[in-house]
Amino acid sequence: MLYEGRKSKSNLRGDAMKLDDKSLDALPWEVPDYHQRQAAHLRSLAATATTVKVKARLLDEARKHEDIARSDAEPASASEA
């Protein structure tokens, strides 16, 4: 009986991981300002990082998101000039 209970608990995660069409319509990178928000979040995590290596990694990831946000915000005519 105990085995059956454990089996159903492990199955809960598998069911939660299934994606339907509605979930796929709202992917995070399609949300407005996603990369700006991610950069801000990573910078706030870096502010409380306890090691230099972790802080550097978080700040590097934040810069990447800022670069993406900047490139998405540029008008098409600016990139052609």
PDB file of N, CA and C in Angstrom:
ATOM      1  N   MET A   1       0.817  -1.192   0.000  1.00  0.00           N
ATOM      2  CA  MET A   1       0.000   0.000   0.000  1.00  0.00           C
ATOM      3  C   MET A   1       0.869   1.268   0.000  1.00  0.00           C
ATOM      4  N   LEU A   2       1.933   1.294   0.773  1.00  0.00           N
ATOM      5  CA  LEU A   2       2.808   2.447   0.817  1.00  0.00           C
ATOM      6  C   LEU A   2       3.427   2.712  -0.550  1.00  0.00           C
ATOM      7  N   TYR A   3       3.758   1.666  -1.251  1.00  0.00           N
ATOM      8  CA  TYR A   3       4.341   1.804  -2.584  1.00  0.00           C
ATOM      9  C   TYR A   3       3.382   2.517  -3.529  1.00  0.00           C
ATOM     10  N   GLU A   4       2.120   2.192  -3.452  1.00  0.00           N
ATOM     11  CA  GLU A   4       1.128   2.825  -4.331  1.00  0.00           C
ATOM     12  C   GLU A   4       1.058   4.334  -4.084  1.00  0.00           C
ATOM     13  N   GLY A   5       1.111   4.749  -2.828  1.00  0.00           N
ATOM     14  CA  GLY A   5       1.070   6.170  -2.500  1.00  0.00           C
ATOM     15  C   GLY A   5       2.278   6.899  -3.061  1.00  0.00           C
ATOM     16  N   ARG A   6       3.441   6.294  -2.954  1.00  0.00           N
ATOM     17  CA  ARG A   6       4.651   6.905  -3.474  1.00  0.00           C
ATOM     18  C   ARG A   6       4.601   6.977  -5.000  1.00  0.00           C
ATOM     19  N   LYS A   7       4.020   5.989  -5.594  1.00  0.00           N
ATOM     20  CA  LYS A   7       3.926   5.968  -7.050  1.00  0.00           C
ATOM     21  C   LYS A   7       3.075   7.140  -7.544  1.00  0.00           C
ATOM     22  N   SER A   8       1.973   7.397  -6.875  1.00  0.00           N
ATOM     23  CA  SER A   8       1.106   8.482  -7.326  1.00  0.00           C
ATOM     24  C   SER A   8       1.756   9.842  -7.102  1.00  0.00           C
ATOM     25  N   LYS A   9       2.561  10.000  -6.050  1.00  0.00           N
ATOM     26  CA  LYS A   9       3.244  11.270  -5.830  1.00  0.00           C
ATOM     27  C   LYS A   9       4.222  11.561  -6.952  1.00  0.00           C
ATOM     28  N   SER A  10       4.971  10.560  -7.392  1.00  0.00           N
ATOM     29  CA  SER A  10       5.933  10.792  -8.456  1.00  0.00           C
ATOM     30  C   SER A  10       5.227  11.090  -9.777  1.00  0.00           C
ATOM     31  N   ASN A  11       4.016  10.613  -9.942  1.00  0.00           N
ATOM     32  CA  ASN A  11       3.260  10.847 -11.163  1.00  0.00           C
ATOM     33  C   ASN A  11       2.709  12.276 -11.212  1.00  0.00           C
ATOM     34  N   LEU A  12       2.547  12.916 -10.065  1.00  0.00           N
ATOM     35  CA  LEU A  12       1.993  14.270 -10.038  1.00  0.00           C
ATOM     36  C   LEU A  12       2.878  15.236 -10.816  1.00  0.00           C
ATOM     37  N   ARG A  13       4.160  15.105 -10.686  1.00  0.00           N
ATOM     38  CA  ARG A  13       5.057  16.012 -11.403  1.00  0.00           C
ATOM     39  C   ARG A  13       4.955  15.800 -12.913  1.00  0.00           C
ATOM     40  N   GLY A  14       4.868  14.578 -13.336  1.00  0.00           N
ATOM     41  CA  GLY A  14       4.731  14.297 -14.763  1.00  0.00           C
ATOM     42  C   GLY A  14       3.480  14.927 -15.333  1.00  0.00           C
ATOM     43  N   ASP A  15       2.383  14.875 -14.612  1.00  0.00           N
ATOM     44  CA  ASP A  15       1.140  15.486 -15.080  1.00  0.00           C
ATOM     45  C   ASP A  15       1.260  17.008 -15.125  1.00  0.00           C
ATOM     46  N   ALA A  16       1.983  17.579 -14.174  1.00  0.00           N
ATOM     47  CA  ALA A  16       2.113  19.026 -14.111  1.00  0.00           C
ATOM     48  C   ALA A  16       2.990  19.551 -15.253  1.00  0.00           C
ATOM     49  N   MET A  17       3.835  18.732 -15.796  1.00  0.00           N
ATOM     50  CA  MET A  17       4.755  19.169 -16.839  1.00  0.00           C
ATOM     51  C   MET A  17       4.137  19.165 -18.235  1.00  0.00           C
ATOM     52  N   LYS A  18       2.942  18.639 -18.378  1.00  0.00           N
ATOM     53  CA  LYS A  18       2.300  18.606 -19.688  1.00  0.00           C
ATOM     54  C   LYS A  18       1.891  20.011 -20.106  1.00  0.00           C
ATOM     55  N   LEU A  19       2.129  20.349 -21.366  1.00  0.00           N
ATOM     56  CA  LEU A  19       1.763  21.657 -21.886  1.00  0.00           C
ATOM     57  C   LEU A  19       0.616  21.512 -22.868  1.00  0.00           C
ATOM     58  N   ASP A  20      -0.313  22.425 -22.778  1.00  0.00           N
ATOM     59  CA  ASP A  20      -1.405  22.428 -23.741  1.00  0.00           C
ATOM     60  C   ASP A  20      -1.222  23.614 -24.691  1.00  0.00           C
ATOM     61  N   ASP A  21      -2.087  23.727 -25.671  1.00  0.00           N
ATOM     62  CA  ASP A  21      -1.972  24.795 -26.662  1.00  0.00           C
ATOM     63  C   ASP A  21      -2.062  26.182 -26.030  1.00  0.00           C
ATOM     64  N   LYS A  22      -2.905  26.330 -25.016  1.00  0.00           N
ATOM     65  CA  LYS A  22      -3.066  27.623 -24.366  1.00  0.00           C
ATOM     66  C   LYS A  22      -1.765  28.045 -23.682  1.00  0.00           C
ATOM     67  N   SER A  23      -1.072  27.112 -23.040  1.00  0.00           N
ATOM     68  CA  SER A  23       0.193  27.417 -22.381  1.00  0.00           C
ATOM     69  C   SER A  23       1.244  27.828 -23.393  1.00  0.00           C
ATOM     70  N   LEU A  24       1.263  27.184 -24.532  1.00  0.00           N
ATOM     71  CA  LEU A  24       2.266  27.485 -25.537  1.00  0.00           C
ATOM     72  C   LEU A  24       2.043  28.838 -26.202  1.00  0.00           C
ATOM     73  N   ASP A  25       0.831  29.367 -26.134  1.00  0.00           N
ATOM     74  CA  ASP A  25       0.543  30.669 -26.731  1.00  0.00           C
ATOM     75  C   ASP A  25       1.166  31.821 -25.948  1.00  0.00           C
ATOM     76  N   ALA A  26       1.503  31.622 -24.684  1.00  0.00           N
ATOM     77  CA  ALA A  26       2.024  32.696 -23.841  1.00  0.00           C
ATOM     78  C   ALA A  26       3.427  32.355 -23.344  1.00  0.00           C
ATOM     79  N   LEU A  27       4.339  32.146 -24.260  1.00  0.00           N
ATOM     80  CA  LEU A  27       5.707  31.845 -23.881  1.00  0.00           C
ATOM     81  C   LEU A  27       6.365  33.099 -23.316  1.00  0.00           C
ATOM     82  N   PRO A  28       7.257  32.957 -22.322  1.00  0.00           N
ATOM     83  CA  PRO A  28       7.812  34.115 -21.617  1.00  0.00           C
ATOM     84  C   PRO A  28       8.485  35.141 -22.512  1.00  0.00           C
ATOM     85  N   TRP A  29       9.190  34.726 -23.557  1.00  0.00           N
ATOM     86  CA  TRP A  29       9.900  35.701 -24.381  1.00  0.00           C
ATOM     87  C   TRP A  29       8.963  36.516 -25.256  1.00  0.00           C
ATOM     88  N   GLU A  30       7.699  36.154 -25.300  1.00  0.00           N
ATOM     89  CA  GLU A  30       6.724  36.930 -26.062  1.00  0.00           C
ATOM     90  C   GLU A  30       6.040  37.981 -25.198  1.00  0.00           C
ATOM     91  N   VAL A  31       6.282  37.956 -23.912  1.00  0.00           N
ATOM     92  CA  VAL A  31       5.679  38.915 -22.992  1.00  0.00           C
ATOM     93  C   VAL A  31       6.432  40.239 -23.128  1.00  0.00           C
ATOM     94  N   PRO A  32       5.725  41.364 -23.218  1.00  0.00           N
ATOM     95  CA  PRO A  32       6.404  42.659 -23.353  1.00  0.00           C
ATOM     96  C   PRO A  32       7.378  42.902 -22.202  1.00  0.00           C
ATOM     97  N   ASP A  33       8.538  43.449 -22.521  1.00  0.00           N
ATOM     98  CA  ASP A  33       9.563  43.806 -21.533  1.00  0.00           C
ATOM     99  C   ASP A  33      10.138  42.607 -20.786  1.00  0.00           C
ATOM    100  N   TYR A  34      10.008  41.412 -21.329  1.00  0.00           N
ATOM    101  CA  TYR A  34      10.510  40.209 -20.665  1.00  0.00           C
ATOM    102  C   TYR A  34      11.997  40.339 -20.334  1.00  0.00           C
ATOM    103  N   HIS A  35      12.797  40.725 -21.304  1.00  0.00           N
ATOM    104  CA  HIS A  35      14.245  40.769 -21.088  1.00  0.00           C
ATOM    105  C   HIS A  35      14.642  41.882 -20.124  1.00  0.00           C
ATOM    106  N   GLN A  36      13.938  42.985 -20.140  1.00  0.00           N
ATOM    107  CA  GLN A  36      14.208  44.054 -19.171  1.00  0.00           C
ATOM    108  C   GLN A  36      13.896  43.578 -17.752  1.00  0.00           C
ATOM    109  N   ARG A  37      12.775  42.886 -17.606  1.00  0.00           N
ATOM    110  CA  ARG A  37      12.407  42.376 -16.281  1.00  0.00           C
ATOM    111  C   ARG A  37      13.386  41.314 -15.799  1.00  0.00           C
ATOM    112  N   GLN A  38      13.835  40.446 -16.719  1.00  0.00           N
ATOM    113  CA  GLN A  38      14.804  39.406 -16.345  1.00  0.00           C
ATOM    114  C   GLN A  38      16.112  40.054 -15.906  1.00  0.00           C
ATOM    115  N   ALA A  39      16.556  41.075 -16.617  1.00  0.00           N
ATOM    116  CA  ALA A  39      17.797  41.763 -16.253  1.00  0.00           C
ATOM    117  C   ALA A  39      17.684  42.372 -14.861  1.00  0.00           C
ATOM    118  N   ALA A  40      16.567  43.019 -14.574  1.00  0.00           N
ATOM    119  CA  ALA A  40      16.363  43.615 -13.254  1.00  0.00           C
ATOM    120  C   ALA A  40      16.348  42.536 -12.168  1.00  0.00           C
ATOM    121  N   HIS A  41      15.706  41.436 -12.451  1.00  0.00           N
ATOM    122  CA  HIS A  41      15.636  40.332 -11.488  1.00  0.00           C
ATOM    123  C   HIS A  41      17.034  39.765 -11.218  1.00  0.00           C
ATOM    124  N   LEU A  42      17.798  39.548 -12.275  1.00  0.00           N
ATOM    125  CA  LEU A  42      19.148  39.008 -12.108  1.00  0.00           C
ATOM    126  C   LEU A  42      20.042  39.984 -11.355  1.00  0.00           C
ATOM    127  N   ARG A  43      19.896  41.273 -11.599  1.00  0.00           N
ATOM    128  CA  ARG A  43      20.684  42.264 -10.861  1.00  0.00           C
ATOM    129  C   ARG A  43      20.317  42.274  -9.381  1.00  0.00           C
ATOM    130  N   SER A  44      19.048  42.089  -9.080  1.00  0.00           N
ATOM    131  CA  SER A  44      18.662  42.057  -7.667  1.00  0.00           C
ATOM    132  C   SER A  44      19.202  40.797  -6.987  1.00  0.00           C
ATOM    133  N   LEU A  45      19.246  39.697  -7.717  1.00  0.00           N
ATOM    134  CA  LEU A  45      19.853  38.486  -7.158  1.00  0.00           C
ATOM    135  C   LEU A  45      21.354  38.685  -6.950  1.00  0.00           C
ATOM    136  N   ALA A  46      22.005  39.351  -7.892  1.00  0.00           N
ATOM    137  CA  ALA A  46      23.445  39.591  -7.778  1.00  0.00           C
ATOM    138  C   ALA A  46      23.770  40.450  -6.560  1.00  0.00           C
ATOM    139  N   ALA A  47      22.868  41.340  -6.206  1.00  0.00           N
ATOM    140  CA  ALA A  47      23.102  42.217  -5.053  1.00  0.00           C
ATOM    141  C   ALA A  47      23.211  41.436  -3.746  1.00  0.00           C
ATOM    142  N   THR A  48      22.603  40.263  -3.716  1.00  0.00           N
ATOM    143  CA  THR A  48      22.649  39.462  -2.490  1.00  0.00           C
ATOM    144  C   THR A  48      23.480  38.192  -2.656  1.00  0.00           C
ATOM    145  N   ALA A  49      24.186  38.073  -3.785  1.00  0.00           N
ATOM    146  CA  ALA A  49      25.007  36.875  -4.025  1.00  0.00           C
ATOM    147  C   ALA A  49      26.137  36.826  -2.993  1.00  0.00           C
ATOM    148  N   THR A  50      26.448  35.624  -2.551  1.00  0.00           N
ATOM    149  CA  THR A  50      27.447  35.469  -1.495  1.00  0.00           C
ATOM    150  C   THR A  50      28.843  35.176  -2.019  1.00  0.00           C
ATOM    151  N   THR A  51      28.975  34.819  -3.285  1.00  0.00           N
ATOM    152  CA  THR A  51      30.303  34.559  -3.839  1.00  0.00           C
ATOM    153  C   THR A  51      30.538  35.436  -5.062  1.00  0.00           C
ATOM    154  N   VAL A  52      31.786  35.750  -5.308  1.00  0.00           N
ATOM    155  CA  VAL A  52      32.161  36.593  -6.436  1.00  0.00           C
ATOM    156  C   VAL A  52      31.783  35.911  -7.750  1.00  0.00           C
ATOM    157  N   LYS A  53      31.993  34.604  -7.831  1.00  0.00           N
ATOM    158  CA  LYS A  53      31.718  33.861  -9.060  1.00  0.00           C
ATOM    159  C   LYS A  53      30.222  33.881  -9.403  1.00  0.00           C
ATOM    160  N   VAL A  54      29.381  33.677  -8.422  1.00  0.00           N
ATOM    161  CA  VAL A  54      27.930  33.694  -8.654  1.00  0.00           C
ATOM    162  C   VAL A  54      27.477  35.101  -9.034  1.00  0.00           C
ATOM    163  N   LYS A  55      28.000  36.105  -8.335  1.00  0.00           N
ATOM    164  CA  LYS A  55      27.632  37.487  -8.647  1.00  0.00           C
ATOM    165  C   LYS A  55      28.030  37.842 -10.077  1.00  0.00           C
ATOM    166  N   ALA A  56      29.232  37.454 -10.486  1.00  0.00           N
ATOM    167  CA  ALA A  56      29.697  37.744 -11.844  1.00  0.00           C
ATOM    168  C   ALA A  56      28.819  37.059 -12.877  1.00  0.00           C
ATOM    169  N   ARG A  57      28.427  35.828 -12.607  1.00  0.00           N
ATOM    170  CA  ARG A  57      27.576  35.093 -13.547  1.00  0.00           C
ATOM    171  C   ARG A  57      26.210  35.760 -13.682  1.00  0.00           C
ATOM    172  N   LEU A  58      25.626  36.163 -12.566  1.00  0.00           N
ATOM    173  CA  LEU A  58      24.319  36.819 -12.595  1.00  0.00           C
ATOM    174  C   LEU A  58      24.388  38.150 -13.346  1.00  0.00           C
ATOM    175  N   LEU A  59      25.444  38.917 -13.108  1.00  0.00           N
ATOM    176  CA  LEU A  59      25.585  40.199 -13.805  1.00  0.00           C
ATOM    177  C   LEU A  59      25.819  39.996 -15.302  1.00  0.00           C
ATOM    178  N   ASP A  60      26.551  38.955 -15.663  1.00  0.00           N
ATOM    179  CA  ASP A  60      26.763  38.643 -17.075  1.00  0.00           C
ATOM    180  C   ASP A  60      25.444  38.283 -17.760  1.00  0.00           C
ATOM    181  N   GLU A  61      24.643  37.455 -17.088  1.00  0.00           N
ATOM    182  CA  GLU A  61      23.332  37.087 -17.647  1.00  0.00           C
ATOM    183  C   GLU A  61      22.428  38.320 -17.753  1.00  0.00           C
ATOM    184  N   ALA A  62      22.498  39.213 -16.769  1.00  0.00           N
ATOM    185  CA  ALA A  62      21.698  40.444 -16.815  1.00  0.00           C
ATOM    186  C   ALA A  62      22.094  41.291 -18.019  1.00  0.00           C
ATOM    187  N   ARG A  63      23.411  41.405 -18.286  1.00  0.00           N
ATOM    188  CA  ARG A  63      23.879  42.161 -19.451  1.00  0.00           C
ATOM    189  C   ARG A  63      23.367  41.559 -20.748  1.00  0.00           C
ATOM    190  N   LYS A  64      23.343  40.248 -20.827  1.00  0.00           N
ATOM    191  CA  LYS A  64      22.835  39.585 -22.035  1.00  0.00           C
ATOM    192  C   LYS A  64      21.368  39.933 -22.265  1.00  0.00           C
ATOM    193  N   HIS A  65      20.574  39.906 -21.200  1.00  0.00           N
ATOM    194  CA  HIS A  65      19.157  40.250 -21.329  1.00  0.00           C
ATOM    195  C   HIS A  65      18.990  41.719 -21.705  1.00  0.00           C
ATOM    196  N   GLU A  66      19.828  42.598 -21.155  1.00  0.00           N
ATOM    197  CA  GLU A  66      19.746  44.013 -21.517  1.00  0.00           C
ATOM    198  C   GLU A  66      20.096  44.217 -22.985  1.00  0.00           C
ATOM    199  N   ASP A  67      21.093  43.510 -23.475  1.00  0.00           N
ATOM    200  CA  ASP A  67      21.463  43.617 -24.889  1.00  0.00           C
ATOM    201  C   ASP A  67      20.314  43.174 -25.791  1.00  0.00           C
ATOM    202  N   ILE A  68      19.666  42.091 -25.420  1.00  0.00           N
ATOM    203  CA  ILE A  68      18.524  41.600 -26.206  1.00  0.00           C
ATOM    204  C   ILE A  68      17.391  42.618 -26.171  1.00  0.00           C
ATOM    205  N   ALA A  69      17.129  43.172 -24.987  1.00  0.00           N
ATOM    206  CA  ALA A  69      16.052  44.167 -24.855  1.00  0.00           C
ATOM    207  C   ALA A  69      16.352  45.390 -25.712  1.00  0.00           C
ATOM    208  N   ARG A  70      17.611  45.823 -25.720  1.00  0.00           N
ATOM    209  CA  ARG A  70      17.997  46.978 -26.539  1.00  0.00           C
ATOM    210  C   ARG A  70      17.838  46.679 -28.023  1.00  0.00           C
ATOM    211  N   SER A  71      18.250  45.497 -28.440  1.00  0.00           N
ATOM    212  CA  SER A  71      18.152  45.165 -29.868  1.00  0.00           C
ATOM    213  C   SER A  71      16.698  45.014 -30.307  1.00  0.00           C
ATOM    214  N   ASP A  72      15.843  44.559 -29.396  1.00  0.00           N
ATOM    215  CA  ASP A  72      14.417  44.445 -29.719  1.00  0.00           C
ATOM    216  C   ASP A  72      13.755  45.816 -29.787  1.00  0.00           C
ATOM    217  N   ALA A  73      14.283  46.787 -29.049  1.00  0.00           N
ATOM    218  CA  ALA A  73      13.661  48.104 -28.973  1.00  0.00           C
ATOM    219  C   ALA A  73      14.074  49.006 -30.121  1.00  0.00           C
ATOM    220  N   GLU A  74      15.161  48.676 -30.826  1.00  0.00           N
ATOM    221  CA  GLU A  74      15.630  49.525 -31.924  1.00  0.00           C
ATOM    222  C   GLU A  74      14.651  49.472 -33.091  1.00  0.00           C
ATOM    223  N   PRO A  75      14.341  50.622 -33.654  1.00  0.00           N
ATOM    224  CA  PRO A  75      13.488  50.626 -34.854  1.00  0.00           C
ATOM    225  C   PRO A  75      14.231  50.006 -36.025  1.00  0.00           C
ATOM    226  N   ALA A  76      13.508  49.443 -36.956  1.00  0.00           N
ATOM    227  CA  ALA A  76      14.106  48.772 -38.111  1.00  0.00           C
ATOM    228  C   ALA A  76      14.960  49.723 -38.931  1.00  0.00           C
ATOM    229  N   SER A  77      14.541  50.977 -39.050  1.00  0.00           N
ATOM    230  CA  SER A  77      15.286  51.941 -39.862  1.00  0.00           C
ATOM    231  C   SER A  77      16.648  52.271 -39.236  1.00  0.00           C
ATOM    232  N   ALA A  78      16.772  52.202 -37.916  1.00  0.00           N
ATOM    233  CA  ALA A  78      18.039  52.485 -37.250  1.00  0.00           C
ATOM    234  C   ALA A  78      19.074  51.416 -37.573  1.00  0.00           C
ATOM    235  N   SER A  79      18.653  50.174 -37.702  1.00  0.00           N
ATOM    236  CA  SER A  79      19.603  49.094 -37.995  1.00  0.00           C
ATOM    237  C   SER A  79      20.055  49.137 -39.448  1.00  0.00           C
ATOM    238  N   GLU A  80      19.273  49.751 -40.318  1.00  0.00           N
ATOM    239  CA  GLU A  80      19.627  49.829 -41.738  1.00  0.00           C
ATOM    240  C   GLU A  80      20.576  50.967 -42.023  1.00  0.00           C
ATOM    241  N   ALA A  81      20.600  51.973 -41.150  1.00  0.00           N
ATOM    242  CA  ALA A  81      21.419  53.163 -41.394  1.00  0.00           C
ATOM    243  C   ALA A  81      22.897  52.915 -41.185  1.00  0.00           C
TER     244      ALA A  81
END
